[in-house]
Structures are given as structure tokens and as C-alpha cells.
C-alpha atoms as a PDB file:
ATOM      1  CA  MET A   1       5.639  -3.677   2.799  1.00  0.00           C
ATOM      2  CA  PRO A   2       3.678  -6.363   4.703  1.00  0.00           C
ATOM      3  CA  LEU A   3       1.194  -3.806   6.023  1.00  0.00           C
ATOM      4  CA  LEU A   4       0.004  -3.231   2.474  1.00  0.00           C
ATOM      5  CA  GLN A   5      -0.283  -6.843   1.331  1.00  0.00           C
ATOM      6  CA  THR A   6      -3.390  -6.892  -0.843  1.00  0.00           C
ATOM      7  CA  ASP A   7      -6.332  -9.204  -0.279  1.00  0.00           C
ATOM      8  CA  GLN A   8      -5.421 -10.876  -3.585  1.00  0.00           C
ATOM      9  CA  GLN A   9      -1.932 -11.536  -2.151  1.00  0.00           C
ATOM     10  CA  GLN A  10      -0.315  -9.436  -4.882  1.00  0.00           C
ATOM     11  CA  ALA A  11       3.334  -8.588  -4.245  1.00  0.00           C
ATOM     12  CA  ILE A  12       4.093  -5.032  -3.166  1.00  0.00           C
ATOM     13  CA  TYR A  13       7.123  -3.350  -4.765  1.00  0.00           C
ATOM     14  CA  SER A  14       8.985  -0.282  -3.565  1.00  0.00           C
ATOM     15  CA  HIS A  15      10.011   2.412  -6.071  1.00  0.00           C
ATOM     16  CA  ILE A  16      12.398   5.094  -4.937  1.00  0.00           C
ATOM     17  CA  ALA A  17      12.158   8.439  -6.697  1.00  0.00           C
ATOM     18  CA  LYS A  18      15.482   8.762  -8.490  1.00  0.00           C
ATOM     19  CA  HIS A  19      15.987  12.437  -9.059  1.00  0.00           C
ATOM     20  CA  GLN A  20      19.790  12.298  -9.536  1.00  0.00           C
ATOM     21  CA  ARG A  21      19.269  12.199 -13.302  1.00  0.00           C
ATOM     22  CA  ARG A  22      17.255  15.433 -13.131  1.00  0.00           C
ATOM     23  CA  TYR A  23      19.989  18.050 -13.313  1.00  0.00           C
ATOM     24  CA  ARG A  24      17.479  20.553 -14.768  1.00  0.00           C
ATOM     25  CA  ASN A  25      14.515  21.513 -12.549  1.00  0.00           C
ATOM     26  CA  PRO A  26      14.821  18.670 -10.051  1.00  0.00           C
ATOM     27  CA  PRO A  27      11.784  18.329  -7.797  1.00  0.00           C
ATOM     28  CA  PRO A  28      12.057  19.822  -4.323  1.00  0.00           C
ATOM     29  CA  ASN A  29      10.632  16.682  -2.723  1.00  0.00           C
ATOM     30  CA  THR A  30      11.414  13.013  -2.784  1.00  0.00           C
ATOM     31  CA  TRP A  31       9.654   9.805  -1.821  1.00  0.00           C
ATOM     32  CA  VAL A  32       9.413   6.055  -1.932  1.00  0.00           C
ATOM     33  CA  ALA A  33       6.230   4.666  -3.516  1.00  0.00           C
ATOM     34  CA  PHE A  34       4.745   1.250  -2.825  1.00  0.00           C
ATOM     35  CA  SER A  35       2.664  -0.370  -5.573  1.00  0.00           C
ATOM     36  CA  THR A  36       1.545  -3.695  -6.993  1.00  0.00           C
ATOM     37  CA  SER A  37       3.574  -3.176 -10.180  1.00  0.00           C
ATOM     38  CA  SER A  38       7.200  -4.222 -10.484  1.00  0.00           C
ATOM     39  CA  ARG A  39       7.609  -1.853 -13.454  1.00  0.00           C
ATOM     40  CA  GLY A  40       6.673   1.401 -11.747  1.00  0.00           C
ATOM     41  CA  TYR A  41       4.118   3.111  -9.607  1.00  0.00           C
ATOM     42  CA  LYS A  42       2.578   5.954 -11.649  1.00  0.00           C
ATOM     43  CA  MET A  43       0.177   3.747 -13.593  1.00  0.00           C
ATOM     44  CA  VAL A  44      -1.346   2.087 -10.523  1.00  0.00           C
ATOM     45  CA  PRO A  45      -2.634   3.244  -7.137  1.00  0.00           C
ATOM     46  CA  HIS A  46       0.270   3.521  -4.722  1.00  0.00           C
ATOM     47  CA  LEU A  47       1.254   4.648  -1.280  1.00  0.00           C
ATOM     48  CA  ALA A  48       3.938   7.338  -1.193  1.00  0.00           C
ATOM     49  CA  LEU A  49       6.031   8.189   1.874  1.00  0.00           C
ATOM     50  CA  GLY A  50       8.335  11.163   1.436  1.00  0.00           C
ATOM     51  CA  PHE A  51       9.306  14.651   2.442  1.00  0.00           C
ATOM     52  CA  TRP A  52       9.620  18.258   1.391  1.00  0.00           C
ATOM     53  CA  ASP A  53      11.890  20.765   3.114  1.00  0.00           C
ATOM     54  CA  ASP A  54       9.213  21.478   5.732  1.00  0.00           C
ATOM     55  CA  ARG A  55       7.042  18.352   5.958  1.00  0.00           C
ATOM     56  CA  LEU A  56       6.784  14.587   5.863  1.00  0.00           C
ATOM     57  CA  PHE A  57       3.916  13.079   3.904  1.00  0.00           C
ATOM     58  CA  LEU A  58       2.078   9.785   3.562  1.00  0.00           C
ATOM     59  CA  TRP A  59      -0.224   9.765   0.529  1.00  0.00           C
ATOM     60  CA  LEU A  60      -2.498   7.155  -0.951  1.00  0.00           C
ATOM     61  CA  SER A  61      -2.127   8.316  -4.544  1.00  0.00           C
ATOM     62  CA  VAL A  62      -3.838   7.756  -7.823  1.00  0.00           C
ATOM     63  CA  LEU A  63      -2.511   9.535 -10.917  1.00  0.00           C
ATOM     64  CA  ARG A  64      -4.583   9.916 -14.071  1.00  0.00           C
ATOM     65  CA  GLU A  65      -1.970   7.657 -15.699  1.00  0.00           C
ATOM     66  CA  SER A  66      -3.969   4.952 -13.953  1.00  0.00           C
ATOM     67  CA  LYS A  67      -6.641   3.211 -16.012  1.00  0.00           C
ATOM     68  CA  PRO A  68      -9.998   4.837 -16.933  1.00  0.00           C
ATOM     69  CA  ALA A  69     -10.751   7.626 -14.485  1.00  0.00           C
ATOM     70  CA  SER A  70     -14.485   7.113 -14.483  1.00  0.00           C
ATOM     71  CA  ARG A  71     -14.404   4.114 -12.197  1.00  0.00           C
ATOM     72  CA  VAL A  72     -11.083   4.322 -10.359  1.00  0.00           C
ATOM     73  CA  LEU A  73     -12.446   6.101  -7.272  1.00  0.00           C
ATOM     74  CA  THR A  74     -15.589   3.949  -7.015  1.00  0.00           C
ATOM     75  CA  GLY A  75     -16.281   3.132  -3.349  1.00  0.00           C
ATOM     76  CA  ILE A  76     -13.479   5.352  -2.006  1.00  0.00           C
ATOM     77  CA  THR A  77     -15.555   8.307  -0.826  1.00  0.00           C
ATOM     78  CA  ALA A  78     -17.624   6.282   1.620  1.00  0.00           C
ATOM     79  CA  MET A  79     -14.501   4.689   3.092  1.00  0.00           C
ATOM     80  CA  ALA A  80     -12.571   7.941   3.308  1.00  0.00           C
ATOM     81  CA  THR A  81     -15.245   9.727   5.294  1.00  0.00           C
ATOM     82  CA  THR A  82     -15.023   7.070   8.044  1.00  0.00           C
ATOM     83  CA  LEU A  83     -11.284   7.450   8.638  1.00  0.00           C
ATOM     84  CA  PRO A  84     -10.469   8.195  12.285  1.00  0.00           C
ATOM     85  CA  GLY A  85      -8.448  11.268  13.158  1.00  0.00           C
ATOM     86  CA  LYS A  86      -7.158  14.100  10.978  1.00  0.00           C
ATOM     87  CA  TRP A  87      -6.420  13.480   7.290  1.00  0.00           C
ATOM     88  CA  GLN A  88      -5.781  15.583   4.227  1.00  0.00           C
ATOM     89  CA  VAL A  89      -6.655  15.435   0.526  1.00  0.00           C
ATOM     90  CA  ALA A  90      -4.855  16.994  -2.409  1.00  0.00           C
ATOM     91  CA  GLY A  91      -5.016  17.032  -6.165  1.00  0.00           C
ATOM     92  CA  GLU A  92      -1.342  17.483  -7.042  1.00  0.00           C
ATOM     93  CA  HIS A  93       1.723  15.704  -5.647  1.00  0.00           C
ATOM     94  CA  THR A  94       4.152  18.363  -6.915  1.00  0.00           C
ATOM     95  CA  ASP A  95       2.394  21.093  -4.924  1.00  0.00           C
ATOM     96  CA  LYS A  96       2.401  21.508  -1.146  1.00  0.00           C
ATOM     97  CA  ALA A  97      -1.258  22.593  -1.176  1.00  0.00           C
ATOM     98  CA  MET A  98      -3.601  20.327   0.740  1.00  0.00           C
ATOM     99  CA  LEU A  99      -7.078  20.446   2.241  1.00  0.00           C
ATOM    100  CA  PRO A 100      -8.434  18.889   5.413  1.00  0.00           C
ATOM    101  CA  LEU A 101     -10.447  15.753   4.733  1.00  0.00           C
ATOM    102  CA  THR A 102     -14.117  16.784   4.651  1.00  0.00           C
ATOM    103  CA  SER A 103     -16.934  15.502   2.454  1.00  0.00           C
ATOM    104  CA  ALA A 104     -16.887  18.733   0.454  1.00  0.00           C
ATOM    105  CA  ASN A 105     -13.107  18.717  -0.079  1.00  0.00           C
ATOM    106  CA  LEU A 106     -13.198  15.024  -0.996  1.00  0.00           C
ATOM    107  CA  ALA A 107     -15.914  15.725  -3.567  1.00  0.00           C
ATOM    108  CA  THR A 108     -13.928  18.625  -4.990  1.00  0.00           C
ATOM    109  CA  VAL A 109     -10.697  16.644  -5.394  1.00  0.00           C
ATOM    110  CA  GLY A 110     -12.620  13.625  -6.709  1.00  0.00           C
ATOM    111  CA  ALA A 111     -14.502  15.742  -9.292  1.00  0.00           C
ATOM    112  CA  ARG A 112     -11.256  17.340 -10.426  1.00  0.00           C
ATOM    113  CA  PHE A 113      -9.712  13.887 -10.803  1.00  0.00           C
ATOM    114  CA  GLN A 114     -12.634  12.787 -12.969  1.00  0.00           C
ATOM    115  CA  THR A 115     -12.583  15.804 -15.282  1.00  0.00           C
ATOM    116  CA  ILE A 116      -8.989  17.065 -15.637  1.00  0.00           C
ATOM    117  CA  LYS A 117      -6.571  14.957 -17.609  1.00  0.00           C
ATOM    118  CA  LYS A 118      -3.507  15.649 -15.521  1.00  0.00           C
ATOM    119  CA  ALA A 119      -5.329  15.567 -12.148  1.00  0.00           C
ATOM    120  CA  GLU A 120      -4.337  13.386  -9.229  1.00  0.00           C
ATOM    121  CA  PHE A 121      -6.090  12.086  -6.169  1.00  0.00           C
ATOM    122  CA  LEU A 122      -4.144  12.042  -2.922  1.00  0.00           C
ATOM    123  CA  LEU A 123      -5.489  11.096   0.495  1.00  0.00           C
ATOM    124  CA  GLY A 124      -3.288  10.838   3.541  1.00  0.00           C
ATOM    125  CA  LYS A 125      -1.432  12.643   6.311  1.00  0.00           C
ATOM    126  CA  VAL A 126       1.018  15.508   6.182  1.00  0.00           C
ATOM    127  CA  TYR A 127       3.266  16.068   9.208  1.00  0.00           C
ATOM    128  CA  LEU A 128       4.418  19.675   9.212  1.00  0.00           C
ATOM    129  CA  ALA A 129       7.860  20.546  10.627  1.00  0.00           C
ATOM    130  CA  ASP A 130       6.361  21.999  13.816  1.00  0.00           C
ATOM    131  CA  ASP A 131       4.287  18.891  14.535  1.00  0.00           C
ATOM    132  CA  PRO A 132       5.430  17.584  17.964  1.00  0.00           C
ATOM    133  CA  ILE A 133       5.170  13.959  16.759  1.00  0.00           C
ATOM    134  CA  LEU A 134       8.311  14.518  14.620  1.00  0.00           C
ATOM    135  CA  ALA A 135      10.345  14.847  17.834  1.00  0.00           C
ATOM    136  CA  ASP A 136       9.409  11.294  18.827  1.00  0.00           C
ATOM    137  CA  PRO A 137      10.485   8.830  16.121  1.00  0.00           C
ATOM    138  CA  VAL A 138       8.859   5.829  17.817  1.00  0.00           C
ATOM    139  CA  ARG A 139       5.482   7.575  18.080  1.00  0.00           C
ATOM    140  CA  LEU A 140       5.823   8.859  14.501  1.00  0.00           C
ATOM    141  CA  TRP A 141       6.548   5.370  13.137  1.00  0.00           C
ATOM    142  CA  GLN A 142       3.574   3.957  15.100  1.00  0.00           C
ATOM    143  CA  ASP A 143       1.316   6.676  13.679  1.00  0.00           C
ATOM    144  CA  ILE A 144       2.514   6.031  10.126  1.00  0.00           C
ATOM    145  CA  GLN A 145       1.906   2.297  10.535  1.00  0.00           C
ATOM    146  CA  GLN A 146      -1.623   2.885  11.960  1.00  0.00           C
ATOM    147  CA  ARG A 147      -2.423   5.160   9.055  1.00  0.00           C
ATOM    148  CA  VAL A 148      -1.156   2.616   6.512  1.00  0.00           C
ATOM    149  CA  VAL A 149      -3.459   0.032   8.138  1.00  0.00           C
ATOM    150  CA  ALA A 150      -6.368   2.532   7.977  1.00  0.00           C
ATOM    151  CA  LEU A 151      -5.658   3.229   4.296  1.00  0.00           C
ATOM    152  CA  LYS A 152      -5.311  -0.433   3.354  1.00  0.00           C
ATOM    153  CA  PRO A 153      -9.017  -1.070   2.589  1.00  0.00           C
ATOM    154  CA  MET A 154      -8.988   1.897   0.210  1.00  0.00           C
ATOM    155  CA  PHE A 155      -5.702   0.759  -1.339  1.00  0.00           C
ATOM    156  CA  ASP A 156      -7.225  -2.708  -1.940  1.00  0.00           C
ATOM    157  CA  GLN A 157     -10.362  -1.142  -3.458  1.00  0.00           C
ATOM    158  CA  LEU A 158      -8.311   1.100  -5.747  1.00  0.00           C
ATOM    159  CA  VAL A 159      -6.140  -1.828  -6.875  1.00  0.00           C
ATOM    160  CA  GLN A 160      -9.341  -3.770  -7.632  1.00  0.00           C
ATOM    161  CA  ASN A 161     -10.830  -0.789  -9.532  1.00  0.00           C
ATOM    162  CA  VAL A 162      -7.993  -0.433 -12.043  1.00  0.00           C
END
């Protein structure tokens, strides 16, 4: 994904969630994740684009499988609070729950990430089924691309932090 090319010119690899092997308790959502690792995405910061039955999501994600949690989010809070427009944060990719991006919510999700072993940090945009932008694929694609560009400095910082 050229929009995500890192400042260090690292290659970006796509990883498609392959749930066909999960005949027991398959997840209700699916996604493609973009990361700097050719071997997978869970152990490094990644950008996930996917959908549930009632929403489309774009998440900049860090799982605790990433390196030491104490420094992973360094510098991210300041960047996140300057994002233009409406954004969301979440602490779990397998749950639909999300919070609007505010300093308080960002601090809550960040603190949870630092202290809970299975925690996650997700920052991005969720397009609910009734969002009018979903009726206009061209506008939706432009919005997704603009958001990827807006998330890129944070993606670069996260990649550098791990």
C-alpha cells in the first residue's frame, strides 16, 4: 500500500484474515491488515481495513504481542489529538465497542494497553451501516485514503517504537 510506505522505506505487506480454517467459533468480522512484516501482522503495528455485519472499519492497531508495551505508544497521544475530523479509539478488535477520540478516552485506552496483558490499542474510523458515505463508493474511498494519510505519521512512529 503506497500510502503507508514508511519513512525508512520498509516494504508494506498485506495479510488477509483467513478464517476458513476456523470451523469452530469463527470470528464475525474479517479484515486485511497492512504491516511491515512479511511473516504476519499481530506482532507489529498495522493498519486493518475490514468489516462486521453492520460496519466498515479502518484501525491503526497495536496488539500487546508487539514488543515491550512500556514504550510502544510513545509520542502517539500528542499526534492523535491533532487529527482532523471524527475518529474513534478502542481497546479490543474482537468487540464492536468503540469510543469517540477525546483526550480522556485516549488516555483510558492507552493506560489499559500499558497495564493489561491482552489489551490492544486501536485508533481509526468506523463507518456504521447508516452512514451516508457508504452509499457513495468514490467518496468513501477518498475518505479512507485521506484517513490513511492522516494516520501515516503515527504508523511511522509506532513502527519506529517497536
